[in-house]
Protein backbone atom coordinates (compact mmCIF):
# COMPACT_ATOMS: atom_id res chain seq x y z
CA MET A 1 31.23 69.89 -43.02
CA ASP A 2 30.75 69.23 -46.72
CA THR A 3 27.40 70.47 -46.73
CA GLY A 4 28.28 73.53 -44.71
CA GLU A 5 31.05 74.36 -47.48
CA GLU A 6 28.57 73.96 -50.09
CA ASN A 7 26.03 75.87 -48.58
CA GLY A 8 28.73 78.69 -47.94
CA ASP A 9 29.73 78.57 -51.44
CA SER A 10 26.19 78.84 -52.62
CA GLY A 11 25.62 81.86 -50.37
CA LYS A 12 28.73 83.60 -51.84
CA GLY A 13 27.23 82.87 -55.29
CA ASP A 14 23.99 84.31 -54.36
CA SER A 15 25.69 87.45 -53.11
CA VAL A 16 27.60 87.88 -56.24
CA VAL A 17 24.49 87.59 -58.25
CA GLU A 18 22.65 90.29 -56.51
CA GLN A 19 25.64 92.83 -56.44
CA THR A 20 25.89 92.38 -60.14
CA GLU A 21 22.21 93.16 -60.51
CA GLU A 22 22.68 96.39 -58.68
CA ASP A 23 25.92 97.45 -60.02
CA PRO A 24 25.33 100.09 -62.89
CA GLU A 25 28.56 99.24 -64.48
CA ALA A 26 27.60 95.61 -64.81
CA GLY A 27 24.17 96.23 -66.57
CA GLU A 28 21.10 98.33 -66.25
CA ALA A 29 20.91 101.21 -63.99
CA PRO A 30 19.19 100.80 -60.56
CA PRO A 31 15.57 101.81 -60.25
CA THR A 32 16.08 104.93 -58.42
CA GLU A 33 18.79 106.33 -61.09
CA ARG A 34 16.47 105.02 -63.90
CA ALA A 35 13.47 107.09 -62.35
CA GLU A 36 15.50 110.13 -62.01
CA ALA A 37 16.97 109.92 -65.83
CA GLU A 38 13.39 109.51 -66.98
CA GLU A 39 12.10 112.64 -65.06
CA GLU A 40 15.19 114.67 -66.67
CA ASP A 41 14.14 113.49 -70.03
CA ILE A 42 10.46 114.56 -69.55
CA THR A 43 11.44 117.72 -68.13
CA ASP A 44 13.78 118.46 -71.12
CA ASN A 45 11.21 117.45 -73.59
CA GLY A 46 8.82 119.72 -72.04
CA ALA A 47 11.16 122.68 -72.02
CA ASP A 48 11.86 122.16 -75.63
CA ASP A 49 8.22 122.26 -76.51
CA ASP A 50 7.72 125.48 -74.52
CA VAL A 51 10.54 127.39 -76.62
CA ILE A 52 9.14 130.24 -78.55
CA PRO A 53 11.29 131.62 -81.55
CA MET A 54 11.99 135.23 -81.23
CA GLY A 55 11.88 135.76 -85.12
CA THR A 56 12.42 139.39 -86.12
CA ALA A 57 11.18 141.00 -83.16
CA SER A 58 13.50 143.42 -81.19
CA LEU A 59 14.21 143.02 -77.43
CA GLU A 60 12.22 146.38 -76.80
CA GLU A 61 9.31 144.74 -78.46
CA ILE A 62 9.55 141.43 -76.63
CA VAL A 63 9.74 143.36 -73.34
CA THR A 64 7.03 145.89 -73.89
CA GLY A 65 4.87 143.59 -75.69
CA LEU A 66 3.63 143.82 -79.12
CA PRO A 67 0.24 145.63 -79.80
CA ALA A 68 -2.58 143.26 -81.23
CA PRO A 69 -3.10 143.90 -84.80
CA THR A 70 -6.34 145.52 -85.85
CA ALA A 71 -8.95 143.92 -88.08
CA GLU A 72 -7.83 146.24 -90.95
CA GLU A 73 -4.27 145.27 -90.65
CA ILE A 74 -5.02 141.61 -90.41
CA ALA A 75 -7.28 141.88 -93.60
CA ALA A 76 -4.58 143.95 -95.52
CA ALA A 77 -1.89 141.10 -94.65
CA LYS A 78 -4.05 138.38 -95.91
CA GLU A 79 -4.65 140.40 -99.12
CA GLU A 80 -1.06 140.99 -99.66
CA ASN A 81 -0.10 137.49 -98.90
CA ALA A 82 -2.69 136.27 -101.33
CA LYS A 83 -1.14 138.40 -104.30
CA THR A 84 1.11 136.72 -106.61
CA VAL A 85 4.74 137.90 -107.02
CA ARG A 86 3.81 139.36 -110.44
CA GLN A 87 1.02 141.45 -108.85
CA ARG A 88 3.23 142.82 -106.32
CA ALA A 89 5.91 143.76 -108.78
CA VAL A 90 3.32 145.30 -111.27
CA GLU A 91 1.69 147.34 -108.42
CA LYS A 92 5.19 148.42 -107.24
CA LEU A 93 6.15 149.66 -110.73
CA GLU A 94 2.84 151.33 -111.28
CA LYS A 95 3.11 153.30 -107.87
CA GLU A 96 6.77 154.29 -108.82
CA ARG A 97 5.77 155.54 -112.25
CA GLU A 98 3.11 157.84 -110.75
CA SER A 99 5.63 159.52 -108.47
CA ALA A 100 8.59 159.49 -110.94
CA LYS A 101 10.17 162.94 -111.29
CA ASP A 102 11.02 162.58 -115.01
CA SER A 103 7.87 160.89 -116.65
CA THR A 104 9.12 161.36 -120.08
CA PHE A 105 12.19 159.09 -119.25
CA ALA A 106 10.39 156.91 -116.92
CA ASP A 107 7.30 155.84 -118.75
CA PRO A 108 8.77 153.91 -121.63
CA ILE A 109 11.39 151.94 -119.37
CA ILE A 110 8.56 151.19 -116.85
CA GLU A 111 6.29 149.88 -119.42
CA TYR A 112 9.08 147.78 -120.71
CA LEU A 113 9.66 146.48 -117.20
CA LEU A 114 5.90 145.73 -116.57
CA LYS A 115 5.89 143.68 -119.67
CA ARG A 116 8.99 141.59 -118.74
CA CYS A 117 7.45 141.04 -115.21
CA ASN A 118 4.33 139.51 -116.99
CA GLU A 119 6.64 137.34 -119.21
CA ASP A 120 9.15 136.18 -116.60
CA GLU A 121 8.35 135.53 -113.04
CA GLY A 122 12.09 135.60 -112.15
CA MET A 123 12.11 139.31 -113.25
CA ALA A 124 9.03 139.83 -111.15
CA GLU A 125 10.70 138.34 -108.13
CA ASP A 126 13.76 140.74 -108.78
CA VAL A 127 11.53 143.77 -109.00
CA ALA A 128 9.48 142.95 -106.02
CA GLN A 129 12.43 143.15 -103.84
CA GLU A 130 12.08 145.77 -101.18
CA HIS A 131 15.59 147.47 -101.52
CA LYS A 132 15.00 147.76 -105.42
CA THR A 133 13.42 151.08 -106.44
CA TRP A 134 12.94 152.92 -109.73
CA GLN A 135 15.02 155.86 -108.62
CA LYS A 136 17.93 153.55 -107.82
CA CYS A 137 17.39 151.80 -111.39
CA PHE A 138 17.51 155.60 -112.98
CA ASP A 139 20.67 156.25 -111.16
CA TYR A 140 22.22 152.98 -112.34
CA ILE A 141 21.13 153.85 -115.92
CA TYR A 142 22.50 157.33 -115.69
CA SER A 143 26.01 156.16 -114.34
CA GLN A 144 26.25 153.62 -117.09
CA ALA A 145 25.45 156.30 -119.74
CA ARG A 146 28.27 158.63 -118.34
CA LYS A 147 30.62 156.00 -119.09
CA GLN A 148 29.97 156.27 -122.79
CA ALA A 149 29.45 160.00 -122.83
CA LYS A 150 31.54 162.29 -124.97
CA GLY A 151 31.81 165.64 -123.11
CA ASN A 152 28.35 166.27 -121.77
CA CYS A 153 26.49 164.15 -124.36
CA ALA A 154 25.78 160.53 -124.60
CA ALA A 155 23.71 158.70 -127.42
CA VAL A 156 22.31 155.51 -126.16
CA ARG A 157 19.83 153.22 -127.99
CA ASP A 158 16.73 152.21 -126.37
CA ASP A 159 17.43 148.59 -126.33
CA VAL A 160 20.76 149.20 -124.55
CA VAL A 161 18.84 151.28 -121.89
CA TYR A 162 16.34 148.55 -121.34
CA GLU A 163 19.29 146.10 -120.97
CA TRP A 164 20.72 148.34 -118.29
CA ALA A 165 17.30 148.51 -116.34
CA GLU A 166 17.16 144.61 -116.41
CA ASP A 167 20.77 144.53 -115.20
CA TYR A 168 20.07 146.64 -112.23
CA TYR A 169 17.13 144.46 -111.07
CA HIS A 170 19.05 141.24 -111.58
CA LYS A 171 22.14 142.71 -109.79
CA ASP A 172 22.54 141.06 -106.30
CA ASP A 173 23.15 144.29 -104.32
CA LYS A 174 21.23 143.64 -101.10
CA ALA A 175 24.38 143.38 -98.85
CA GLU A 176 25.85 146.39 -100.63
CA GLU A 177 22.60 148.35 -100.10
CA GLU A 178 22.44 147.40 -96.29
CA LYS A 179 26.03 148.51 -95.83
CA LYS A 180 25.18 152.08 -97.57
CA ALA A 181 22.27 152.29 -95.38
CA LYS A 182 24.22 151.55 -92.10
CA LYS A 183 26.88 154.03 -93.12
CA ALA A 184 24.26 156.61 -93.99
CA ALA A 185 22.63 156.09 -90.36
CA GLU A 186 26.06 156.39 -88.54
CA ALA A 187 26.91 159.54 -90.69
CA LYS A 188 23.57 161.18 -89.77
CA ALA A 189 23.70 160.13 -85.98
CA LYS A 190 27.35 161.68 -85.85
CA LYS A 191 26.35 164.58 -87.68
CA SER A 192 23.34 165.16 -85.06
CA LYS A 193 25.71 164.54 -82.08
CA SER A 194 28.18 167.15 -83.47
CA ALA A 195 25.34 169.61 -83.88
CA GLU A 196 24.25 168.95 -80.33
CA GLU A 197 27.65 169.51 -79.01
CA ARG A 198 28.16 172.85 -80.83
CA LYS A 199 24.89 173.95 -79.59
CA ALA A 200 25.85 173.03 -75.95
CA VAL A 201 29.22 174.98 -76.48
CA ARG A 202 27.52 178.11 -77.84
CA ALA A 203 25.10 178.02 -74.92
CA LYS A 204 27.92 177.62 -72.49
CA ASN A 205 29.92 180.62 -73.99
CA THR A 206 26.80 182.78 -73.91
CA THR A 207 26.33 181.98 -70.30
CA ASP A 208 30.11 182.80 -69.53
CA LYS A 209 29.91 186.15 -71.30
CA ALA A 210 26.84 187.13 -69.58
CA GLU A 211 28.48 186.31 -66.08
CA LYS A 212 31.67 188.03 -67.05
CA ALA A 213 30.24 191.04 -68.57
CA PRO A 214 31.10 194.20 -66.33
CA VAL A 215 28.39 196.30 -64.90
CA PRO A 216 28.08 199.76 -66.31
CA PRO A 217 28.48 202.53 -63.68
CA LYS A 218 25.47 204.46 -62.74
CA ALA A 219 25.25 207.80 -64.71
CA GLU A 220 25.79 210.83 -62.47
CA ALA A 221 23.09 213.39 -62.59
CA PRO A 222 24.22 216.77 -64.23
CA LYS A 223 25.10 219.28 -61.82
CA VAL A 224 22.76 222.39 -62.12
CA PRO A 225 24.54 225.69 -61.44
CA PRO A 226 22.99 227.68 -58.60
CA LYS A 227 20.49 230.37 -59.61
CA HIS A 228 22.21 233.73 -59.07
CA LYS A 229 20.27 235.88 -56.37
CA ARG A 230 19.39 239.22 -57.26
CA ASN A 231 20.92 241.94 -55.54
CA GLY A 232 18.39 244.45 -53.88
CA LYS A 233 20.65 247.13 -55.66
CA GLU A 234 19.91 245.77 -59.01
CA MET A 235 17.22 247.32 -61.03
CA ASP A 236 14.78 245.73 -63.50
CA GLY A 237 15.95 245.68 -66.92
CA GLN A 238 19.50 246.33 -65.77
CA LEU A 239 22.40 243.75 -66.19
CA ASP A 240 24.85 243.10 -63.13
CA MET A 241 28.34 243.00 -65.09
CA PHE A 242 29.90 241.30 -62.17
CA ALA A 243 27.27 238.74 -61.82
CA THR A 244 27.70 237.68 -65.32
CA MET A 245 31.38 237.42 -64.89
CA GLY A 246 30.78 235.08 -61.94
CA MET A 247 32.15 237.74 -59.51
């Protein structure tokens, strides 16, 4: 009996050990669950590796596919990327000087800006920004001069004008420029829509008028009075007084 009880207790102990090894809460997960978890990790890692960032491409470009760049475009991009900031700034100012409306005013200021770009890389970086242009710089200088004008005349020293030019390029106005561009695009779209609506209304009114216009009556042919039949008694060269009187 004692042996049986001992064996029974030993059996129970073995059973408890086996349950403890298979219980996920008591230790490591069962082999089946561990295999499934490892498989999920592998799948997730593979999905992350396959993710391609969208970048700046639009949805339409992604759906339709981007055309492959030509050899000329690739060469031009490599050449542009190889340029320093100073080179891009200098080329930009030179190009804008050629197309400036008032060369007398633009030449000395742009010449000063070219010198500053070669001296200061930070100035070159500001000039090279896409939204910065000479025309906007001119408008900024003009607005500053108007604040000091007396009547229609404003006398400003050259060094002050150069300082205003630098102030414009150093000014952080990218967000402001984007806001202005957005408003201008919305206004243009609204104006175009209004023009199309007015055109449609005019076309409809023209069609309605054409449908409602009365049809003019047909003109009646003028009645020709019957020719007078000569009486046999009438003689050539002699008038019948009664015939002329309608009798």
